């Protein structure tokens, strides 16, 4: 069973709703992303949605677009985002 499926199964069994925050990877800076993710878990996040900066974010609102632009300007792309997730998972095997 995947982490997400296990999380939703546990939430359903306990009658809880999921807290699923969103963070744009690489904003405000790359090293902050794993720290932010750990803080979200400490604050009760069940699942974290990580936004990968994209050069043409037509479906995103202005705040997420601006966060993506800042991350792209710092050279953040899919390879860097996957490295951030890998770093986060070294300390967290449940989220």
N, C-alpha and C. Protein backbone atom coordinates (compact mmCIF):
# COMPACT_ATOMS: atom_id res chain seq x y z
N UNK A 1 0.85 -1.18 0.00
CA UNK A 1 0.00 0.00 0.00
C UNK A 1 0.90 1.24 0.00
N UNK A 2 0.56 2.22 -0.81
CA UNK A 2 1.36 3.44 -0.88
C UNK A 2 1.20 4.28 0.39
N UNK A 3 2.10 5.21 0.58
CA UNK A 3 2.01 6.10 1.75
C UNK A 3 0.70 6.87 1.75
N UNK A 4 0.31 7.36 0.59
CA UNK A 4 -0.92 8.15 0.51
C UNK A 4 -2.13 7.28 0.81
N UNK A 5 -2.18 6.08 0.23
CA UNK A 5 -3.30 5.18 0.50
C UNK A 5 -3.36 4.81 1.98
N UNK A 6 -2.21 4.53 2.57
CA UNK A 6 -2.17 4.19 4.00
C UNK A 6 -2.64 5.36 4.86
N UNK A 7 -2.22 6.56 4.48
CA UNK A 7 -2.62 7.75 5.24
C UNK A 7 -4.13 7.94 5.17
N UNK A 8 -4.70 7.84 3.96
CA UNK A 8 -6.14 8.02 3.83
C UNK A 8 -6.92 6.90 4.51
N UNK A 9 -6.39 5.69 4.50
CA UNK A 9 -7.06 4.59 5.20
C UNK A 9 -7.09 4.86 6.70
N UNK A 10 -5.96 5.31 7.25
CA UNK A 10 -5.90 5.63 8.68
C UNK A 10 -6.82 6.80 9.02
N UNK A 11 -6.84 7.80 8.17
CA UNK A 11 -7.73 8.95 8.41
C UNK A 11 -9.18 8.52 8.38
N UNK A 12 -9.53 7.69 7.40
CA UNK A 12 -10.91 7.21 7.30
C UNK A 12 -11.32 6.39 8.51
N UNK A 13 -10.40 5.55 8.98
CA UNK A 13 -10.70 4.70 10.14
C UNK A 13 -10.90 5.53 11.40
N UNK A 14 -10.20 6.67 11.48
CA UNK A 14 -10.31 7.50 12.68
C UNK A 14 -11.36 8.61 12.52
N UNK A 15 -11.91 8.74 11.32
CA UNK A 15 -12.92 9.77 11.10
C UNK A 15 -12.35 11.17 10.94
N UNK A 16 -11.04 11.27 10.75
CA UNK A 16 -10.39 12.58 10.58
C UNK A 16 -10.39 13.00 9.13
N UNK A 17 -10.33 14.30 8.94
CA UNK A 17 -10.13 14.87 7.61
C UNK A 17 -8.63 15.06 7.40
N UNK A 18 -8.21 15.07 6.16
CA UNK A 18 -6.78 15.22 5.84
C UNK A 18 -6.39 16.70 5.79
N UNK A 19 -5.23 16.99 6.32
CA UNK A 19 -4.61 18.31 6.16
C UNK A 19 -3.53 18.15 5.10
N UNK A 20 -3.74 18.81 3.94
CA UNK A 20 -2.83 18.66 2.80
C UNK A 20 -2.37 20.05 2.35
N UNK A 21 -1.31 20.57 2.94
CA UNK A 21 -0.80 21.88 2.52
C UNK A 21 -0.04 21.79 1.20
N UNK A 22 0.09 22.93 0.54
CA UNK A 22 0.82 23.05 -0.73
C UNK A 22 2.03 23.94 -0.52
N UNK A 23 3.15 23.54 -1.09
CA UNK A 23 4.35 24.37 -1.06
C UNK A 23 5.00 24.31 -2.44
N UNK A 24 5.43 25.47 -2.93
CA UNK A 24 6.17 25.50 -4.19
C UNK A 24 7.63 25.20 -3.87
N UNK A 25 8.16 24.15 -4.44
CA UNK A 25 9.55 23.77 -4.18
C UNK A 25 10.49 24.88 -4.63
N UNK A 26 11.45 25.19 -3.78
CA UNK A 26 12.46 26.18 -4.13
C UNK A 26 12.10 27.60 -3.78
N UNK A 27 10.97 27.83 -3.16
CA UNK A 27 10.58 29.18 -2.76
C UNK A 27 10.33 29.19 -1.26
N UNK A 28 11.00 30.01 -0.49
CA UNK A 28 11.78 31.18 -0.90
C UNK A 28 13.18 30.84 -1.40
N UNK A 29 13.72 29.66 -1.03
CA UNK A 29 15.01 29.22 -1.56
C UNK A 29 15.08 27.71 -1.40
N UNK A 30 15.96 27.08 -2.14
CA UNK A 30 15.99 25.62 -2.22
C UNK A 30 16.18 24.94 -0.87
N UNK A 31 17.13 25.40 -0.08
CA UNK A 31 17.40 24.74 1.20
C UNK A 31 16.24 24.84 2.18
N UNK A 32 15.35 25.79 1.96
CA UNK A 32 14.22 25.96 2.87
C UNK A 32 13.14 24.92 2.65
N UNK A 33 13.05 24.37 1.46
CA UNK A 33 11.93 23.49 1.14
C UNK A 33 11.85 22.27 2.06
N UNK A 34 12.92 21.48 2.26
CA UNK A 34 12.80 20.37 3.21
C UNK A 34 12.49 20.84 4.63
N UNK A 35 13.04 21.98 5.03
CA UNK A 35 12.75 22.52 6.36
C UNK A 35 11.27 22.87 6.49
N UNK A 36 10.72 23.49 5.45
CA UNK A 36 9.29 23.84 5.45
C UNK A 36 8.45 22.57 5.51
N UNK A 37 8.85 21.56 4.76
CA UNK A 37 8.10 20.30 4.76
C UNK A 37 8.09 19.66 6.14
N UNK A 38 9.23 19.66 6.82
CA UNK A 38 9.28 19.11 8.18
C UNK A 38 8.42 19.93 9.13
N UNK A 39 8.42 21.24 8.98
CA UNK A 39 7.58 22.09 9.82
C UNK A 39 6.10 21.82 9.57
N UNK A 40 5.73 21.58 8.32
CA UNK A 40 4.34 21.25 8.01
C UNK A 40 3.92 19.95 8.68
N UNK A 41 4.80 18.95 8.65
CA UNK A 41 4.50 17.68 9.32
C UNK A 41 4.36 17.90 10.82
N UNK A 42 5.28 18.67 11.40
CA UNK A 42 5.21 18.96 12.84
C UNK A 42 3.92 19.70 13.18
N UNK A 43 3.40 20.46 12.23
CA UNK A 43 2.15 21.19 12.44
C UNK A 43 0.90 20.38 12.15
N UNK A 44 1.07 19.12 11.76
CA UNK A 44 -0.09 18.25 11.58
C UNK A 44 -0.42 17.86 10.16
N UNK A 45 0.42 18.20 9.19
CA UNK A 45 0.14 17.82 7.80
C UNK A 45 0.13 16.31 7.65
N UNK A 46 -0.87 15.81 6.95
CA UNK A 46 -0.96 14.38 6.67
C UNK A 46 -0.28 14.02 5.36
N UNK A 47 -0.41 14.88 4.38
CA UNK A 47 0.18 14.74 3.05
C UNK A 47 0.65 16.13 2.66
N UNK A 48 1.73 16.22 1.91
CA UNK A 48 2.21 17.52 1.43
C UNK A 48 2.19 17.51 -0.09
N UNK A 49 1.53 18.50 -0.66
CA UNK A 49 1.54 18.67 -2.12
C UNK A 49 2.69 19.60 -2.47
N UNK A 50 3.58 19.14 -3.32
CA UNK A 50 4.76 19.93 -3.69
C UNK A 50 4.60 20.40 -5.13
N UNK A 51 4.63 21.71 -5.30
CA UNK A 51 4.53 22.29 -6.63
C UNK A 51 5.88 22.34 -7.30
N UNK A 52 5.95 21.81 -8.50
CA UNK A 52 7.18 21.87 -9.30
C UNK A 52 7.10 23.14 -10.13
N UNK A 53 8.08 24.04 -9.99
CA UNK A 53 8.06 25.28 -10.78
C UNK A 53 7.98 24.97 -12.27
N UNK A 54 7.13 25.73 -12.95
CA UNK A 54 6.88 25.49 -14.37
C UNK A 54 6.86 26.83 -15.09
N UNK A 55 7.40 26.87 -16.27
CA UNK A 55 7.56 28.13 -16.99
C UNK A 55 6.26 28.72 -17.52
N UNK A 56 5.20 27.94 -17.60
CA UNK A 56 3.93 28.43 -18.15
C UNK A 56 2.77 27.96 -17.27
N UNK A 57 2.67 28.47 -16.04
CA UNK A 57 1.68 27.97 -15.07
C UNK A 57 0.29 28.60 -15.26
N UNK A 58 -0.34 28.34 -16.38
CA UNK A 58 -1.61 28.98 -16.71
C UNK A 58 -2.73 28.65 -15.73
N UNK A 59 -2.73 27.47 -15.15
CA UNK A 59 -3.82 27.06 -14.28
C UNK A 59 -3.64 27.53 -12.83
N UNK A 60 -2.48 28.07 -12.50
CA UNK A 60 -2.20 28.51 -11.14
C UNK A 60 -2.62 29.96 -10.95
N UNK A 61 -2.96 30.29 -9.71
CA UNK A 61 -3.27 31.67 -9.37
C UNK A 61 -2.00 32.50 -9.26
N UNK A 62 -2.15 33.81 -9.06
CA UNK A 62 -0.99 34.71 -9.08
C UNK A 62 0.04 34.42 -7.99
N UNK A 63 -0.38 34.01 -6.82
CA UNK A 63 0.58 33.75 -5.74
C UNK A 63 1.47 32.56 -6.09
N UNK A 64 0.87 31.48 -6.57
CA UNK A 64 1.65 30.30 -6.94
C UNK A 64 2.49 30.59 -8.18
N UNK A 65 1.96 31.36 -9.11
CA UNK A 65 2.75 31.75 -10.29
C UNK A 65 4.01 32.51 -9.87
N UNK A 66 3.85 33.45 -8.96
CA UNK A 66 5.00 34.24 -8.50
C UNK A 66 6.01 33.38 -7.75
N UNK A 67 5.52 32.45 -6.93
CA UNK A 67 6.42 31.54 -6.23
C UNK A 67 7.20 30.70 -7.22
N UNK A 68 6.52 30.22 -8.24
CA UNK A 68 7.18 29.43 -9.28
C UNK A 68 8.22 30.24 -10.04
N UNK A 69 7.90 31.48 -10.34
CA UNK A 69 8.85 32.35 -11.04
C UNK A 69 10.11 32.57 -10.20
N UNK A 70 9.92 32.78 -8.89
CA UNK A 70 11.09 32.97 -8.01
C UNK A 70 11.94 31.71 -7.98
N UNK A 71 11.29 30.55 -7.89
CA UNK A 71 12.03 29.29 -7.86
C UNK A 71 12.76 29.04 -9.18
N UNK A 72 12.08 29.29 -10.28
CA UNK A 72 12.72 29.12 -11.59
C UNK A 72 13.93 30.04 -11.74
N UNK A 73 13.81 31.26 -11.23
CA UNK A 73 14.92 32.21 -11.31
C UNK A 73 16.14 31.72 -10.53
N UNK A 74 15.90 30.84 -9.55
CA UNK A 74 17.00 30.27 -8.76
C UNK A 74 17.47 28.94 -9.34
N UNK A 75 16.95 28.57 -10.50
CA UNK A 75 17.40 27.35 -11.16
C UNK A 75 16.73 26.08 -10.68
N UNK A 76 15.56 26.21 -10.05
CA UNK A 76 14.87 25.03 -9.54
C UNK A 76 14.04 24.39 -10.65
N UNK A 77 14.24 23.11 -10.84
CA UNK A 77 13.49 22.32 -11.82
C UNK A 77 13.18 20.96 -11.23
N UNK A 78 12.71 20.06 -12.05
CA UNK A 78 12.29 18.74 -11.57
C UNK A 78 13.42 17.99 -10.87
N UNK A 79 14.62 18.03 -11.41
CA UNK A 79 15.74 17.31 -10.79
C UNK A 79 15.98 17.82 -9.37
N UNK A 80 15.96 19.13 -9.20
CA UNK A 80 16.19 19.71 -7.88
C UNK A 80 15.03 19.39 -6.93
N UNK A 81 13.81 19.40 -7.44
CA UNK A 81 12.65 19.09 -6.60
C UNK A 81 12.73 17.64 -6.11
N UNK A 82 13.07 16.73 -6.99
CA UNK A 82 13.20 15.33 -6.57
C UNK A 82 14.31 15.16 -5.53
N UNK A 83 15.38 15.92 -5.65
CA UNK A 83 16.45 15.89 -4.63
C UNK A 83 15.93 16.41 -3.30
N UNK A 84 15.10 17.45 -3.33
CA UNK A 84 14.52 17.99 -2.08
C UNK A 84 13.65 16.95 -1.41
N UNK A 85 12.84 16.25 -2.20
CA UNK A 85 11.97 15.21 -1.65
C UNK A 85 12.82 14.07 -1.07
N UNK A 86 13.88 13.69 -1.78
CA UNK A 86 14.78 12.65 -1.28
C UNK A 86 15.37 13.07 0.07
N UNK A 87 15.82 14.32 0.17
CA UNK A 87 16.39 14.81 1.43
C UNK A 87 15.35 14.77 2.55
N UNK A 88 14.14 15.18 2.25
CA UNK A 88 13.06 15.17 3.24
C UNK A 88 12.79 13.75 3.72
N UNK A 89 12.74 12.82 2.79
CA UNK A 89 12.39 11.44 3.13
C UNK A 89 13.48 10.72 3.93
N UNK A 90 14.66 11.27 3.97
CA UNK A 90 15.70 10.68 4.83
C UNK A 90 15.28 10.71 6.30
N UNK A 91 14.50 11.72 6.65
CA UNK A 91 14.06 11.90 8.04
C UNK A 91 12.59 11.59 8.25
N UNK A 92 11.84 11.42 7.18
CA UNK A 92 10.40 11.20 7.30
C UNK A 92 9.99 10.11 6.33
N UNK A 93 9.59 8.97 6.86
CA UNK A 93 9.21 7.87 5.97
C UNK A 93 7.70 7.64 5.94
N UNK A 94 6.95 8.58 6.51
CA UNK A 94 5.50 8.40 6.58
C UNK A 94 4.71 9.41 5.76
N UNK A 95 5.27 10.58 5.51
CA UNK A 95 4.51 11.66 4.85
C UNK A 95 4.78 11.66 3.36
